[in-house]
N, C-alpha and C. Protein backbone atom coordinates (compact mmCIF):
# COMPACT_ATOMS: atom_id res chain seq x y z
N MET A 1 6.10 14.32 -44.94
CA MET A 1 5.53 14.25 -45.32
C MET A 1 5.40 15.56 -46.46
N ARG A 2 6.58 15.19 -47.64
CA ARG A 2 6.00 16.22 -48.86
C ARG A 2 5.15 16.56 -50.10
N LYS A 3 5.12 17.83 -49.88
CA LYS A 3 3.65 17.93 -51.08
C LYS A 3 4.34 17.59 -52.42
N LEU A 4 3.27 17.51 -53.33
CA LEU A 4 3.97 17.24 -54.53
C LEU A 4 2.95 17.80 -55.40
N TYR A 5 3.44 18.09 -57.33
CA TYR A 5 2.07 18.68 -57.95
C TYR A 5 1.61 18.10 -58.94
N LYS A 6 1.23 18.79 -59.44
CA LYS A 6 0.24 17.91 -60.77
C LYS A 6 -0.92 18.55 -61.53
N PRO A 7 -0.57 18.92 -62.55
CA PRO A 7 -1.36 19.73 -63.76
C PRO A 7 -3.00 20.08 -62.97
N GLY A 8 -3.34 20.77 -63.01
CA GLY A 8 -4.94 20.74 -62.51
C GLY A 8 -5.44 21.92 -62.56
N ASN A 9 -6.18 22.13 -61.44
CA ASN A 9 -7.65 23.19 -61.48
C ASN A 9 -7.82 23.68 -59.86
N MET A 10 -7.37 22.63 -59.69
CA MET A 10 -7.11 22.55 -57.06
C MET A 10 -7.51 24.18 -57.11
N ILE A 11 -5.45 25.13 -56.71
CA ILE A 11 -5.36 26.28 -56.91
C ILE A 11 -4.75 26.91 -57.65
N GLU A 12 -4.07 27.70 -57.80
CA GLU A 12 -2.65 28.31 -58.12
C GLU A 12 -1.75 29.07 -57.40
N VAL A 13 -0.42 28.66 -58.53
CA VAL A 13 0.69 28.30 -56.71
C VAL A 13 1.46 28.38 -58.04
N TRP A 14 2.39 30.39 -58.46
CA TRP A 14 3.32 31.02 -59.23
C TRP A 14 2.45 31.23 -59.96
N GLY A 15 1.76 31.13 -60.35
CA GLY A 15 0.75 31.31 -61.97
C GLY A 15 0.89 30.10 -61.87
N VAL A 16 0.88 29.37 -61.59
CA VAL A 16 0.48 28.09 -62.52
C VAL A 16 -0.85 26.71 -61.78
N LYS A 17 -1.58 26.35 -62.10
CA LYS A 17 -2.62 26.08 -62.22
C LYS A 17 -2.06 24.43 -61.33
N CYS A 18 -2.59 24.20 -60.17
CA CYS A 18 -2.29 22.38 -60.85
C CYS A 18 -2.38 21.89 -59.15
N ASP A 19 -3.53 20.99 -59.25
CA ASP A 19 -3.41 19.47 -58.06
C ASP A 19 -2.01 19.57 -57.29
N TRP A 20 -2.63 19.75 -56.24
CA TRP A 20 -1.68 19.00 -54.77
C TRP A 20 -1.98 18.72 -54.04
N LYS A 21 -1.17 17.31 -53.95
CA LYS A 21 -1.66 16.19 -52.23
C LYS A 21 -0.26 16.07 -51.37
N ASP A 22 -0.16 15.96 -50.37
CA ASP A 22 0.22 15.60 -49.65
C ASP A 22 0.80 13.64 -49.19
N VAL A 23 2.48 14.02 -49.71
CA VAL A 23 2.83 12.04 -49.82
C VAL A 23 4.06 12.06 -48.71
N PRO A 24 4.25 10.87 -48.08
CA PRO A 24 5.08 10.34 -47.51
C PRO A 24 6.34 10.41 -48.38
N GLU A 25 7.36 10.83 -47.06
CA GLU A 25 8.53 10.79 -47.52
C GLU A 25 9.19 8.87 -48.67
N GLU A 26 9.09 7.53 -48.27
CA GLU A 26 9.12 7.10 -48.80
C GLU A 26 8.39 6.42 -50.37
N GLU A 27 7.30 7.36 -50.12
CA GLU A 27 6.18 6.63 -51.91
C GLU A 27 7.16 7.90 -52.70
N VAL A 28 7.33 9.35 -52.06
CA VAL A 28 8.13 10.55 -53.15
C VAL A 28 8.52 9.81 -54.23
N SER A 29 9.13 8.75 -54.29
CA SER A 29 9.36 7.97 -55.47
C SER A 29 8.77 7.85 -56.48
N ALA A 30 7.84 6.74 -56.03
CA ALA A 30 6.61 6.09 -57.09
C ALA A 30 5.68 7.15 -58.41
N HIS A 31 5.24 8.96 -57.20
CA HIS A 31 5.32 8.98 -57.85
C HIS A 31 5.87 9.92 -58.59
N LEU A 32 6.67 10.19 -58.19
CA LEU A 32 7.34 11.26 -59.52
C LEU A 32 7.21 11.03 -60.18
N ALA A 33 7.64 9.63 -60.10
CA ALA A 33 7.48 8.54 -61.28
C ALA A 33 6.12 8.13 -61.93
N ASP A 34 4.88 8.18 -61.53
CA ASP A 34 3.77 8.23 -62.41
C ASP A 34 3.29 10.22 -62.69
N GLY A 35 4.44 10.78 -62.05
CA GLY A 35 4.10 12.28 -62.98
C GLY A 35 3.73 13.23 -61.65
N TRP A 36 3.27 12.91 -60.96
CA TRP A 36 3.21 14.25 -59.30
C TRP A 36 4.70 14.98 -59.83
N SER A 37 4.98 16.31 -59.62
CA SER A 37 6.20 17.01 -59.82
C SER A 37 6.45 17.56 -58.02
N VAL A 38 7.22 17.71 -57.99
CA VAL A 38 8.22 18.78 -56.22
C VAL A 38 7.58 19.34 -56.39
N SER A 39 8.07 20.74 -57.56
CA SER A 39 7.17 22.58 -58.18
C SER A 39 5.97 21.95 -58.84
N PRO A 40 5.51 22.86 -58.86
CA PRO A 40 4.64 23.26 -59.53
C PRO A 40 4.98 24.11 -61.45
N LEU A 41 6.29 24.12 -61.06
CA LEU A 41 7.30 25.35 -62.04
C LEU A 41 7.96 23.79 -63.25
N ASP A 42 7.40 22.80 -62.29
CA ASP A 42 8.67 21.72 -62.56
C ASP A 42 8.24 21.20 -63.35
N MET A 43 6.65 21.28 -63.77
CA MET A 43 6.22 20.78 -64.26
C MET A 43 6.66 20.80 -65.92
N GLU A 44 5.88 19.41 -67.53
CA GLU A 44 6.24 19.85 -67.83
C GLU A 44 5.17 20.09 -69.30
N ASP A 45 4.20 20.20 -68.53
CA ASP A 45 3.33 20.39 -70.02
C ASP A 45 2.54 22.06 -69.30
N LYS A 46 3.40 22.80 -68.24
CA LYS A 46 2.51 24.27 -67.52
C LYS A 46 1.75 25.14 -68.60
N PRO A 47 1.06 25.16 -68.67
CA PRO A 47 0.64 26.70 -69.68
C PRO A 47 2.30 27.73 -68.82
N ALA A 48 1.73 28.49 -71.13
CA ALA A 48 3.03 30.19 -70.08
C ALA A 48 1.66 30.69 -69.02
N PRO A 49 2.69 31.10 -68.75
CA PRO A 49 2.14 32.61 -68.43
C PRO A 49 1.59 33.28 -69.11
N ALA A 50 0.23 33.75 -68.81
CA ALA A 50 -0.59 35.00 -69.37
C ALA A 50 0.71 36.57 -69.31
N ARG A 51 0.20 36.41 -69.63
CA ARG A 51 0.92 37.98 -70.44
C ARG A 51 0.05 39.27 -70.39
N ARG A 52 1.15 40.41 -69.54
CA ARG A 52 0.06 41.66 -69.28
C ARG A 52 0.70 42.48 -70.38
N GLY A 53 -0.87 43.17 -70.36
CA GLY A 53 -0.23 45.29 -71.00
C GLY A 53 -0.91 44.84 -72.20
N ARG A 54 -0.45 45.35 -72.87
CA ARG A 54 -0.63 45.99 -74.14
C ARG A 54 -0.38 45.02 -74.60
N LYS A 55 -1.68 45.01 -76.06
CA LYS A 55 -1.14 44.32 -78.19
C LYS A 55 0.72 44.64 -77.81
N PRO A 56 1.16 43.98 -78.83
CA PRO A 56 2.53 44.58 -79.53
C PRO A 56 1.42 45.30 -81.66
N LYS A 57 1.49 46.39 -81.48
CA LYS A 57 0.47 46.80 -82.67
C LYS A 57 1.63 46.28 -83.56
N ALA A 58 0.22 46.00 -85.26
CA ALA A 58 0.69 45.25 -86.27
C ALA A 58 1.65 46.27 -86.58
N LYS A 59 2.60 45.45 -87.48
CA LYS A 59 3.90 45.78 -88.17
C LYS A 59 2.92 45.87 -89.91
N ASP A 60 4.16 45.91 -90.32
CA ASP A 60 3.36 47.03 -92.18
C ASP A 60 3.95 46.00 -92.38
N ASP A 61 3.09 45.54 -93.71
CA ASP A 61 3.92 44.56 -94.97
C ASP A 61 3.08 45.43 -96.03
N GLY A 62 3.74 46.11 -95.77
CA GLY A 62 3.02 46.87 -97.30
C GLY A 62 1.75 46.56 -97.84
N ASP A 63 0.70 45.89 -97.58
CA ASP A 63 -0.59 46.29 -98.60
C ASP A 63 -1.64 46.82 -97.94
N THR A 64 -1.57 48.18 -97.90
CA THR A 64 -2.44 49.13 -97.47
C THR A 64 -2.56 49.88 -98.91
N GLN A 65 -3.93 50.11 -98.85
CA GLN A 65 -4.37 50.73 -99.69
C GLN A 65 -5.19 52.51 -99.50
N GLU A 66 -4.35 53.37 -100.36
CA GLU A 66 -4.48 54.25 -100.79
C GLU A 66 -6.07 55.30 -101.16
C-alpha cells in the first residue's frame, strides 16, 4: 500500500492542505495519471505557504503632500 495525496481539505501535511488515500502498489500509476501525487509537496496546484511576520513597509513613491 502507498499513500497518495491530492489538493483538498482533509488534512494539512507540511503546510499543504490535501486529501489522501492508501492505494495498492499495482494501482499507483493509474492514480498518478488521475492527478494524485506521491507527496503533498509534488502537487502542481498547491497554494503558496502562508508568510508569517510583519508586512513590509510601503515604499515612498514621491507623491507625499506636505
